[in-house]
């Protein structure tokens, strides 16, 4: 058995044992009951439950959609490597989340990490947990959040496409999910999270998902280095229909991502649905126009990229802004991301192969800031007004949340990559890179070519 597999098994076993011994769910439950002995139990709403079941499935579909989106853009000798990485993440995080990831992210705890009460979903039952969602089973909320935990590290893949050893990738994803995703998730969404207590708004994952993963992507591209030869100068998509299929699946799944984050089948979910579609359409159209102006022809890849950027930008704002604001957010994000991809990236020379930083991080930053500008309590009374509705403080809070996420994700992602590289080397050899990851990492080919 390879050393990397042994290291992985040891890591998982150690974390599970430590977390299992540290948890005391029964005692905590008794304390809560003693403090509030006659509190009525919230009831499950079948309509809300049905909607969240569908939304969870929609969000899970986004990861295979991302696999096609990325897979179509790499060379044909690396497409299976992309697909394998995405599907492996679905398997790894599904287990990690059940064992301890959900507890670290959402169990009531300190400002930095969640407590360890819900290890192995102990105490997470089929009744609602009203502090998160009062009308759906607690386990359903767990599953819905699992889908976010899956797709977030999957976004990073595009930055180091065609270069990373699969064994190192597996260890990196586990460590990154534990030490980057889980704490940031708790800060923003968990009970006791310090950014949540500060009043930061992130309806469906602008900071938790897109800025978090986008910064990690930039760090990955810098640490791993550029692709060999001239490949990094202009990566030619080997199958654009794959990319368009992936875009369509992402757009479709994003309705579960954003509208599902209302956690109920209500008017707020409808608003999130409408603004999600509107921002994606506006951003796709704007990117096509920018292509037409600066590159003489509108491109399929550009329009697809713009639509994804619009989906990213509206994600933190979906439950707080109107459809007209979504148009502004969508038009604007394509301008910002177009500049990041065509001007900033060439100037600094980092090889973010599939523009994860330029689309997800930049788009997420704009989305979080736009929330501080356009949020309205007229859309969501449980939210807050933004700058344009008389509350400049909200913009300040959003900027703080963005800055903290950037700094934390950058530093910890860098440390994780360096540590993994010391023990097992994260980059494939020159020969393996030339041959492609499909063959060298998985002994498979995506296509059979008959001469």
Protein backbone atom coordinates (compact mmCIF):
# COMPACT_ATOMS: atom_id res chain seq x y z
CA UNK A 1 0.00 0.00 0.00
CA UNK A 2 1.34 3.41 -0.94
CA UNK A 3 2.60 5.78 1.74
CA UNK A 4 0.06 8.42 0.70
CA UNK A 5 -2.85 6.06 1.29
CA UNK A 6 -1.49 5.12 4.72
CA UNK A 7 -1.10 8.79 5.62
CA UNK A 8 -4.68 9.45 4.53
CA UNK A 9 -6.08 6.55 6.54
CA UNK A 10 -4.09 7.57 9.62
CA UNK A 11 -5.26 11.17 9.32
CA UNK A 12 -8.92 10.23 9.06
CA UNK A 13 -8.67 7.73 11.91
CA UNK A 14 -6.90 10.18 14.21
CA UNK A 15 -9.36 12.98 13.57
CA UNK A 16 -12.33 10.71 14.11
CA UNK A 17 -10.97 9.34 17.41
CA UNK A 18 -10.06 12.79 18.74
CA UNK A 19 -13.43 14.26 17.79
CA UNK A 20 -15.37 11.29 19.15
CA UNK A 21 -13.72 11.54 22.57
CA UNK A 22 -14.15 15.30 22.69
CA UNK A 23 -17.90 15.32 22.10
CA UNK A 24 -20.51 15.37 24.90
CA UNK A 25 -23.85 15.76 23.11
CA UNK A 26 -25.98 14.11 25.75
CA UNK A 27 -24.80 16.44 28.50
CA UNK A 28 -25.30 19.51 26.34
CA UNK A 29 -28.78 18.37 25.40
CA UNK A 30 -29.71 17.90 29.04
CA UNK A 31 -28.45 21.39 29.88
CA UNK A 32 -30.53 22.97 27.13
CA UNK A 33 -33.62 21.03 28.19
CA UNK A 34 -33.13 22.09 31.82
CA UNK A 35 -32.88 25.73 30.81
CA UNK A 36 -35.97 25.61 28.59
CA UNK A 37 -38.11 22.67 29.72
CA UNK A 38 -41.42 23.71 28.15
CA UNK A 39 -40.20 25.07 24.82
CA UNK A 40 -42.50 23.68 22.10
CA UNK A 41 -40.86 21.58 19.40
CA UNK A 42 -41.09 23.12 15.90
CA UNK A 43 -43.01 21.06 13.37
CA UNK A 44 -41.79 19.79 10.03
CA UNK A 45 -43.44 21.45 7.03
CA UNK A 46 -43.81 18.99 4.16
CA UNK A 47 -43.68 21.68 1.46
CA UNK A 48 -40.48 23.18 2.79
CA UNK A 49 -39.00 19.73 3.22
CA UNK A 50 -39.82 18.75 -0.36
CA UNK A 51 -38.26 21.96 -1.68
CA UNK A 52 -35.05 21.48 0.32
CA UNK A 53 -34.76 17.85 -0.81
CA UNK A 54 -34.97 19.03 -4.42
CA UNK A 55 -32.59 21.92 -3.76
CA UNK A 56 -30.03 19.58 -2.20
CA UNK A 57 -30.12 17.39 -5.29
CA UNK A 58 -29.79 20.45 -7.53
CA UNK A 59 -26.71 21.65 -5.67
CA UNK A 60 -25.13 18.19 -5.83
CA UNK A 61 -25.68 18.22 -9.61
CA UNK A 62 -23.51 21.33 -9.80
CA UNK A 63 -20.34 19.35 -9.05
CA UNK A 64 -20.70 17.01 -12.07
CA UNK A 65 -21.68 20.16 -13.97
CA UNK A 66 -18.44 21.77 -12.84
CA UNK A 67 -16.58 18.63 -13.96
CA UNK A 68 -17.94 19.07 -17.49
CA UNK A 69 -17.36 22.85 -17.40
CA UNK A 70 -13.70 22.39 -16.46
CA UNK A 71 -13.24 19.14 -18.38
CA UNK A 72 -14.17 20.73 -21.68
CA UNK A 73 -11.60 23.49 -21.21
CA UNK A 74 -8.53 21.34 -20.56
CA UNK A 75 -6.60 19.29 -23.11
CA UNK A 76 -8.04 15.93 -24.09
CA UNK A 77 -5.26 14.07 -22.23
CA UNK A 78 -6.39 15.58 -18.92
CA UNK A 79 -10.20 15.51 -19.08
CA UNK A 80 -10.57 12.32 -17.04
CA UNK A 81 -8.26 13.77 -14.40
CA UNK A 82 -10.69 16.68 -13.94
CA UNK A 83 -13.72 14.40 -13.82
CA UNK A 84 -12.01 12.08 -11.34
CA UNK A 85 -11.05 14.94 -9.04
CA UNK A 86 -14.61 16.29 -8.95
CA UNK A 87 -16.19 12.91 -8.29
CA UNK A 88 -13.56 12.03 -5.68
CA UNK A 89 -14.40 15.23 -3.81
CA UNK A 90 -18.06 14.18 -3.77
CA UNK A 91 -17.02 10.94 -2.06
CA UNK A 92 -14.42 12.37 0.36
CA UNK A 93 -16.41 15.35 1.62
CA UNK A 94 -19.60 13.31 1.98
CA UNK A 95 -17.78 11.16 4.55
CA UNK A 96 -15.83 14.01 6.17
CA UNK A 97 -19.00 16.06 6.62
CA UNK A 98 -20.84 13.24 8.39
CA UNK A 99 -17.90 12.33 10.63
CA UNK A 100 -16.96 15.81 11.87
CA UNK A 101 -17.21 18.50 9.16
CA UNK A 102 -20.80 19.46 9.90
CA UNK A 103 -20.11 19.66 13.61
CA UNK A 104 -17.04 21.85 13.12
CA UNK A 105 -19.04 24.14 10.84
CA UNK A 106 -22.47 24.40 12.47
CA UNK A 107 -22.53 23.05 16.01
CA UNK A 108 -22.96 25.95 18.46
CA UNK A 109 -19.50 26.89 19.63
CA UNK A 110 -16.88 29.58 19.81
CA UNK A 111 -16.37 32.32 17.24
CA UNK A 112 -13.75 30.35 15.30
CA UNK A 113 -14.86 26.69 15.20
CA UNK A 114 -18.09 24.91 15.93
CA UNK A 115 -18.28 22.58 18.91
CA UNK A 116 -17.89 18.81 18.61
CA UNK A 117 -21.37 17.86 19.78
CA UNK A 118 -22.58 16.58 16.43
CA UNK A 119 -19.73 14.18 15.56
CA UNK A 120 -21.05 11.40 13.35
CA UNK A 121 -24.39 13.30 13.31
CA UNK A 122 -24.94 12.31 16.93
CA UNK A 123 -27.87 14.36 18.13
CA UNK A 124 -28.75 15.46 14.59
CA UNK A 125 -32.20 13.97 14.14
CA UNK A 126 -35.29 14.21 11.97
CA UNK A 127 -36.86 17.00 13.99
CA UNK A 128 -36.15 20.65 13.08
CA UNK A 129 -33.33 22.61 14.70
CA UNK A 130 -35.01 26.00 14.87
CA UNK A 131 -31.83 28.09 15.13
CA UNK A 132 -31.03 27.10 11.53
CA UNK A 133 -34.30 26.02 9.93
CA UNK A 134 -37.52 25.72 11.90
CA UNK A 135 -39.60 23.79 9.35
CA UNK A 136 -37.33 21.08 7.93
CA UNK A 137 -35.61 18.09 9.56
CA UNK A 138 -32.20 18.86 11.02
CA UNK A 139 -30.63 16.10 8.91
CA UNK A 140 -32.01 17.73 5.76
CA UNK A 141 -30.30 21.00 6.68
CA UNK A 142 -27.13 18.95 7.18
CA UNK A 143 -27.42 17.39 3.73
CA UNK A 144 -28.16 20.73 2.07
CA UNK A 145 -25.05 22.26 3.60
CA UNK A 146 -23.04 19.17 2.62
CA UNK A 147 -23.58 20.02 -1.03
CA UNK A 148 -21.97 23.44 -0.47
CA UNK A 149 -19.04 21.78 1.29
CA UNK A 150 -18.58 19.51 -1.74
CA UNK A 151 -18.55 22.07 -4.52
CA UNK A 152 -16.36 24.63 -2.73
CA UNK A 153 -13.06 22.67 -2.87
CA UNK A 154 -14.05 21.40 -6.33
CA UNK A 155 -13.85 24.99 -7.61
CA UNK A 156 -10.13 25.09 -6.78
CA UNK A 157 -9.37 22.30 -9.27
CA UNK A 158 -9.44 24.65 -12.24
CA UNK A 159 -6.43 26.59 -11.01
CA UNK A 160 -3.98 23.68 -10.89
CA UNK A 161 -5.45 21.74 -13.81
CA UNK A 162 -3.00 19.38 -15.56
CA UNK A 163 -0.28 19.59 -12.89
CA UNK A 164 -1.20 18.08 -9.50
CA UNK A 165 -0.54 14.51 -8.34
CA UNK A 166 -3.75 12.73 -7.47
CA UNK A 167 -2.45 11.43 -4.13
CA UNK A 168 -1.40 14.94 -3.07
CA UNK A 169 -4.73 16.27 -4.29
CA UNK A 170 -6.64 13.90 -2.00
CA UNK A 171 -4.68 14.92 1.11
CA UNK A 172 -4.88 18.62 0.21
CA UNK A 173 -8.66 18.51 -0.20
CA UNK A 174 -9.16 16.84 3.19
CA UNK A 175 -6.89 19.28 5.02
CA UNK A 176 -8.31 22.32 3.21
CA UNK A 177 -11.87 21.37 4.03
CA UNK A 178 -11.04 20.92 7.71
CA UNK A 179 -8.83 23.96 8.26
CA UNK A 180 -10.22 26.45 5.74
CA UNK A 181 -13.77 25.68 4.66
CA UNK A 182 -15.16 24.50 8.00
CA UNK A 183 -13.97 27.47 10.09
CA UNK A 184 -14.94 30.10 7.51
CA UNK A 185 -18.34 28.44 7.18
CA UNK A 186 -18.76 28.66 10.96
CA UNK A 187 -17.69 32.31 11.05
CA UNK A 188 -20.37 33.34 8.56
CA UNK A 189 -23.25 30.90 9.06
CA UNK A 190 -22.72 29.01 12.31
CA UNK A 191 -24.22 29.83 15.71
CA UNK A 192 -21.60 31.89 17.51
CA UNK A 193 -19.62 32.64 14.35
CA UNK A 194 -17.94 35.99 14.78
CA UNK A 195 -18.69 37.35 11.29
CA UNK A 196 -22.31 36.34 11.70
CA UNK A 197 -22.42 38.14 15.04
CA UNK A 198 -20.90 41.20 13.37
CA UNK A 199 -23.80 41.21 10.90
CA UNK A 200 -22.09 40.03 7.69
CA UNK A 201 -24.58 39.03 4.99
CA UNK A 202 -23.85 36.05 2.78
CA UNK A 203 -27.09 34.49 1.60
CA UNK A 204 -25.69 31.48 -0.26
CA UNK A 205 -21.90 31.56 -0.22
CA UNK A 206 -20.14 34.58 -1.73
CA UNK A 207 -17.49 34.62 0.99
CA UNK A 208 -17.82 31.05 2.32
CA UNK A 209 -17.69 29.44 -1.13
CA UNK A 210 -16.40 31.68 -3.89
CA UNK A 211 -13.90 34.06 -2.26
CA UNK A 212 -12.67 31.24 -0.06
CA UNK A 213 -12.07 28.84 -2.97
CA UNK A 214 -10.92 31.58 -5.35
CA UNK A 215 -8.09 32.70 -3.08
CA UNK A 216 -7.05 29.10 -2.49
CA UNK A 217 -7.00 28.67 -6.26
CA UNK A 218 -4.64 31.61 -6.67
CA UNK A 219 -2.33 30.23 -3.98
CA UNK A 220 -2.39 26.80 -5.65
CA UNK A 221 -1.45 28.26 -9.02
CA UNK A 222 1.46 30.19 -7.48
CA UNK A 223 2.80 27.33 -5.33
CA UNK A 224 2.51 24.63 -8.00
CA UNK A 225 3.88 26.86 -10.73
CA UNK A 226 3.17 27.27 -14.41
CA UNK A 227 2.53 24.45 -16.82
CA UNK A 228 5.49 23.24 -18.84
CA UNK A 229 6.47 24.88 -22.10
CA UNK A 230 4.06 27.31 -23.68
CA UNK A 231 0.91 25.53 -22.59
CA UNK A 232 0.17 28.15 -19.95
CA UNK A 233 0.05 30.96 -22.52
CA UNK A 234 -3.15 29.87 -24.20
CA UNK A 235 -4.97 26.78 -23.05
CA UNK A 236 -7.16 25.57 -25.90
CA UNK A 237 -10.45 23.94 -24.85
CA UNK A 238 -10.61 20.45 -26.30
CA UNK A 239 -14.41 20.18 -26.15
CA UNK A 240 -16.46 23.38 -25.91
CA UNK A 241 -19.80 21.49 -26.02
CA UNK A 242 -18.72 19.86 -22.73
CA UNK A 243 -18.13 23.33 -21.28
CA UNK A 244 -21.53 24.57 -22.42
CA UNK A 245 -23.20 21.47 -20.99
CA UNK A 246 -21.37 22.14 -17.72
CA UNK A 247 -22.51 25.78 -17.75
CA UNK A 248 -26.11 24.71 -18.27
CA UNK A 249 -25.92 22.23 -15.39
CA UNK A 250 -24.35 24.86 -13.14
CA UNK A 251 -27.00 27.44 -14.03
CA UNK A 252 -29.74 24.86 -13.42
CA UNK A 253 -28.25 23.68 -10.14
CA UNK A 254 -27.67 27.25 -8.97
CA UNK A 255 -31.41 27.68 -8.43
CA UNK A 256 -31.10 25.13 -5.64
CA UNK A 257 -27.93 26.84 -4.44
CA UNK A 258 -29.53 30.28 -4.08
CA UNK A 259 -33.30 29.79 -3.89
CA UNK A 260 -32.78 26.76 -1.63
CA UNK A 261 -30.86 28.94 0.79
CA UNK A 262 -34.16 30.54 1.80
CA UNK A 263 -34.64 27.18 3.60
CA UNK A 264 -38.35 27.38 2.86
CA UNK A 265 -40.69 27.35 -0.13
CA UNK A 266 -41.69 30.98 0.24
CA UNK A 267 -41.48 34.40 -1.36
CA UNK A 268 -37.83 34.83 -0.42
CA UNK A 269 -36.99 31.68 -2.38
CA UNK A 270 -38.89 33.10 -5.36
CA UNK A 271 -36.94 36.35 -5.18
CA UNK A 272 -33.64 34.45 -4.99
CA UNK A 273 -34.70 32.36 -8.00
CA UNK A 274 -35.58 35.44 -10.07
CA UNK A 275 -32.44 37.46 -9.28
CA UNK A 276 -30.21 34.41 -9.86
CA UNK A 277 -31.47 33.97 -13.39
CA UNK A 278 -31.42 37.72 -14.04
CA UNK A 279 -27.81 38.27 -12.93
CA UNK A 280 -26.57 35.26 -14.91
CA UNK A 281 -28.30 36.50 -18.06
CA UNK A 282 -27.00 40.05 -17.64
CA UNK A 283 -23.43 38.90 -17.03
CA UNK A 284 -23.41 36.48 -19.95
CA UNK A 285 -24.67 39.19 -22.26
CA UNK A 286 -22.12 41.72 -21.03
CA UNK A 287 -19.19 39.32 -21.48
CA UNK A 288 -20.32 38.64 -25.07
CA UNK A 289 -20.36 42.39 -25.70
CA UNK A 290 -16.89 42.80 -24.19
CA UNK A 291 -15.60 39.97 -26.38
CA UNK A 292 -17.15 41.66 -29.40
CA UNK A 293 -15.53 44.99 -28.56
CA UNK A 294 -12.03 43.83 -27.59
CA UNK A 295 -11.67 40.53 -29.48
CA UNK A 296 -13.80 41.36 -32.53
CA UNK A 297 -16.08 38.34 -32.11
CA UNK A 298 -18.44 37.21 -29.34
CA UNK A 299 -17.38 33.75 -28.16
CA UNK A 300 -19.23 30.79 -26.72
CA UNK A 301 -16.59 30.34 -24.02
CA UNK A 302 -16.76 34.02 -23.06
CA UNK A 303 -20.54 34.04 -22.82
CA UNK A 304 -20.49 30.89 -20.68
CA UNK A 305 -17.79 32.36 -18.46
CA UNK A 306 -19.76 35.55 -18.04
CA UNK A 307 -22.89 33.67 -17.04
CA UNK A 308 -20.96 31.78 -14.36
CA UNK A 309 -19.50 35.07 -13.11
CA UNK A 310 -23.02 36.46 -12.81
CA UNK A 311 -24.12 33.42 -10.83
CA UNK A 312 -21.14 33.87 -8.52
CA UNK A 313 -21.81 37.55 -7.92
CA UNK A 314 -25.49 37.19 -7.13
CA UNK A 315 -24.92 34.32 -4.70
CA UNK A 316 -24.27 36.38 -1.54
CA UNK A 317 -26.94 38.93 -2.49
CA UNK A 318 -29.73 36.65 -3.74
CA UNK A 319 -31.87 36.93 -0.62
CA UNK A 320 -31.42 40.65 -0.15
CA UNK A 321 -31.64 42.47 -3.53
CA UNK A 322 -34.23 43.18 -6.21
CA UNK A 323 -34.24 42.09 -9.86
CA UNK A 324 -33.14 45.55 -11.03
CA UNK A 325 -30.19 45.45 -8.66
CA UNK A 326 -29.37 41.99 -10.02
CA UNK A 327 -29.05 43.44 -13.53
CA UNK A 328 -26.54 46.00 -12.29
CA UNK A 329 -24.64 43.33 -10.36
CA UNK A 330 -24.57 41.05 -13.41
CA UNK A 331 -23.42 43.70 -15.88
CA UNK A 332 -20.75 44.95 -13.48
CA UNK A 333 -19.27 41.57 -12.55
CA UNK A 334 -18.47 40.71 -16.16
CA UNK A 335 -16.51 43.95 -16.47
CA UNK A 336 -14.52 43.24 -13.31
CA UNK A 337 -13.86 39.59 -14.15
CA UNK A 338 -13.00 40.37 -17.78
CA UNK A 339 -10.34 42.79 -16.55
CA UNK A 340 -9.03 40.22 -14.07
CA UNK A 341 -8.74 37.52 -16.74
CA UNK A 342 -7.43 39.58 -19.65
CA UNK A 343 -5.35 42.28 -17.91
CA UNK A 344 -4.39 41.33 -14.35
CA UNK A 345 -3.57 37.67 -14.99
CA UNK A 346 -1.17 38.32 -17.93
CA UNK A 347 0.47 41.19 -16.07
CA UNK A 348 1.29 39.14 -12.97
CA UNK A 349 1.96 35.90 -14.83
CA UNK A 350 0.33 33.37 -12.50
CA UNK A 351 -0.98 30.27 -14.28
CA UNK A 352 -4.56 29.99 -13.03
CA UNK A 353 -5.41 27.57 -15.82
CA UNK A 354 -9.20 27.95 -15.87
CA UNK A 355 -9.49 31.40 -14.27
CA UNK A 356 -10.87 30.35 -10.92
CA UNK A 357 -9.44 33.41 -9.20
CA UNK A 358 -10.53 35.77 -11.97
CA UNK A 359 -14.12 34.55 -11.99
CA UNK A 360 -14.92 33.13 -8.56
CA UNK A 361 -12.80 35.27 -6.25
CA UNK A 362 -13.28 38.55 -8.11
CA UNK A 363 -16.95 37.75 -8.70
CA UNK A 364 -17.41 36.78 -5.06
CA UNK A 365 -15.73 39.97 -3.85
CA UNK A 366 -17.99 42.11 -6.00
CA UNK A 367 -21.05 40.13 -4.92
CA UNK A 368 -20.26 40.57 -1.24
CA UNK A 369 -19.62 44.29 -1.67
CA UNK A 370 -22.71 44.69 -3.86
CA UNK A 371 -24.72 43.14 -1.03
CA UNK A 372 -23.48 45.96 1.19
CA UNK A 373 -24.67 48.42 -1.46
CA UNK A 374 -27.99 47.04 -2.70
CA UNK A 375 -29.38 44.98 0.22
CA UNK A 376 -32.86 46.03 1.25
CA UNK A 377 -35.04 45.05 4.19
CA UNK A 378 -37.93 45.51 1.80
CA UNK A 379 -36.78 42.29 0.15
CA UNK A 380 -35.81 40.48 3.34
CA UNK A 381 -36.90 41.93 6.69
CA UNK A 382 -34.48 39.58 8.47
CA UNK A 383 -31.54 41.02 6.53
CA UNK A 384 -30.25 44.58 6.56
CA UNK A 385 -30.27 47.69 4.41
CA UNK A 386 -27.19 48.49 2.38
CA UNK A 387 -25.51 51.80 1.61
CA UNK A 388 -28.02 52.77 -1.06
CA UNK A 389 -30.85 52.21 1.40
CA UNK A 390 -29.40 54.36 4.17
CA UNK A 391 -27.06 51.99 6.01
CA UNK A 392 -23.37 52.62 5.21
CA UNK A 393 -22.29 50.41 8.11
CA UNK A 394 -23.38 47.30 6.20
CA UNK A 395 -20.89 48.05 3.45
CA UNK A 396 -18.13 48.30 6.06
CA UNK A 397 -19.13 44.93 7.55
CA UNK A 398 -19.11 43.33 4.10
CA UNK A 399 -15.64 44.69 3.35
CA UNK A 400 -14.34 43.32 6.67
CA UNK A 401 -15.79 39.88 5.89
CA UNK A 402 -14.17 39.93 2.44
CA UNK A 403 -10.77 41.02 3.76
CA UNK A 404 -10.71 38.47 6.59
CA UNK A 405 -11.67 35.62 4.28
CA UNK A 406 -9.00 36.58 1.76
CA UNK A 407 -6.22 36.78 4.35
CA UNK A 408 -7.17 33.61 6.22
CA UNK A 409 -7.72 31.46 3.14
CA UNK A 410 -4.51 32.69 1.52
CA UNK A 411 -2.29 31.99 4.55
CA UNK A 412 -3.75 28.62 5.55
CA UNK A 413 -4.01 27.35 1.97
CA UNK A 414 -0.36 28.26 1.44
CA UNK A 415 0.70 26.42 4.60
CA UNK A 416 -1.29 23.30 3.68
CA UNK A 417 0.17 23.17 0.17
CA UNK A 418 3.72 23.58 1.46
CA UNK A 419 3.29 20.90 4.14
CA UNK A 420 1.81 18.42 1.66
CA UNK A 421 4.63 19.18 -0.78
CA UNK A 422 7.25 18.42 1.88
CA UNK A 423 5.84 14.97 2.59
CA UNK A 424 4.69 13.77 -0.82
CA UNK A 425 5.36 16.38 -3.54
CA UNK A 426 2.29 17.96 -5.05
CA UNK A 427 3.35 18.26 -8.68
CA UNK A 428 3.64 15.50 -11.25
CA UNK A 429 6.95 14.97 -13.06
CA UNK A 430 7.73 16.61 -16.39
CA UNK A 431 7.20 13.31 -18.17
CA UNK A 432 3.84 12.73 -16.48
CA UNK A 433 2.70 16.24 -17.33
CA UNK A 434 3.65 15.74 -20.97
CA UNK A 435 1.82 12.41 -21.14
CA UNK A 436 -1.24 13.79 -19.35
CA UNK A 437 -2.86 13.01 -16.02
CA UNK A 438 -5.48 10.67 -17.46
CA UNK A 439 -2.88 8.08 -18.35
CA UNK A 440 -0.25 8.69 -15.66
CA UNK A 441 -2.57 9.11 -12.66
CA UNK A 442 -5.47 6.85 -13.61
CA UNK A 443 -4.26 4.56 -16.45
CA UNK A 444 -7.24 5.55 -18.59
CA UNK A 445 -7.97 7.55 -21.73
CA UNK A 446 -11.07 9.64 -22.35
CA UNK A 447 -11.08 8.92 -26.05
CA UNK A 448 -10.16 5.97 -28.26
CA UNK A 449 -8.53 7.18 -31.46
CA UNK A 450 -8.33 4.83 -34.41
CA UNK A 451 -5.60 5.77 -36.88
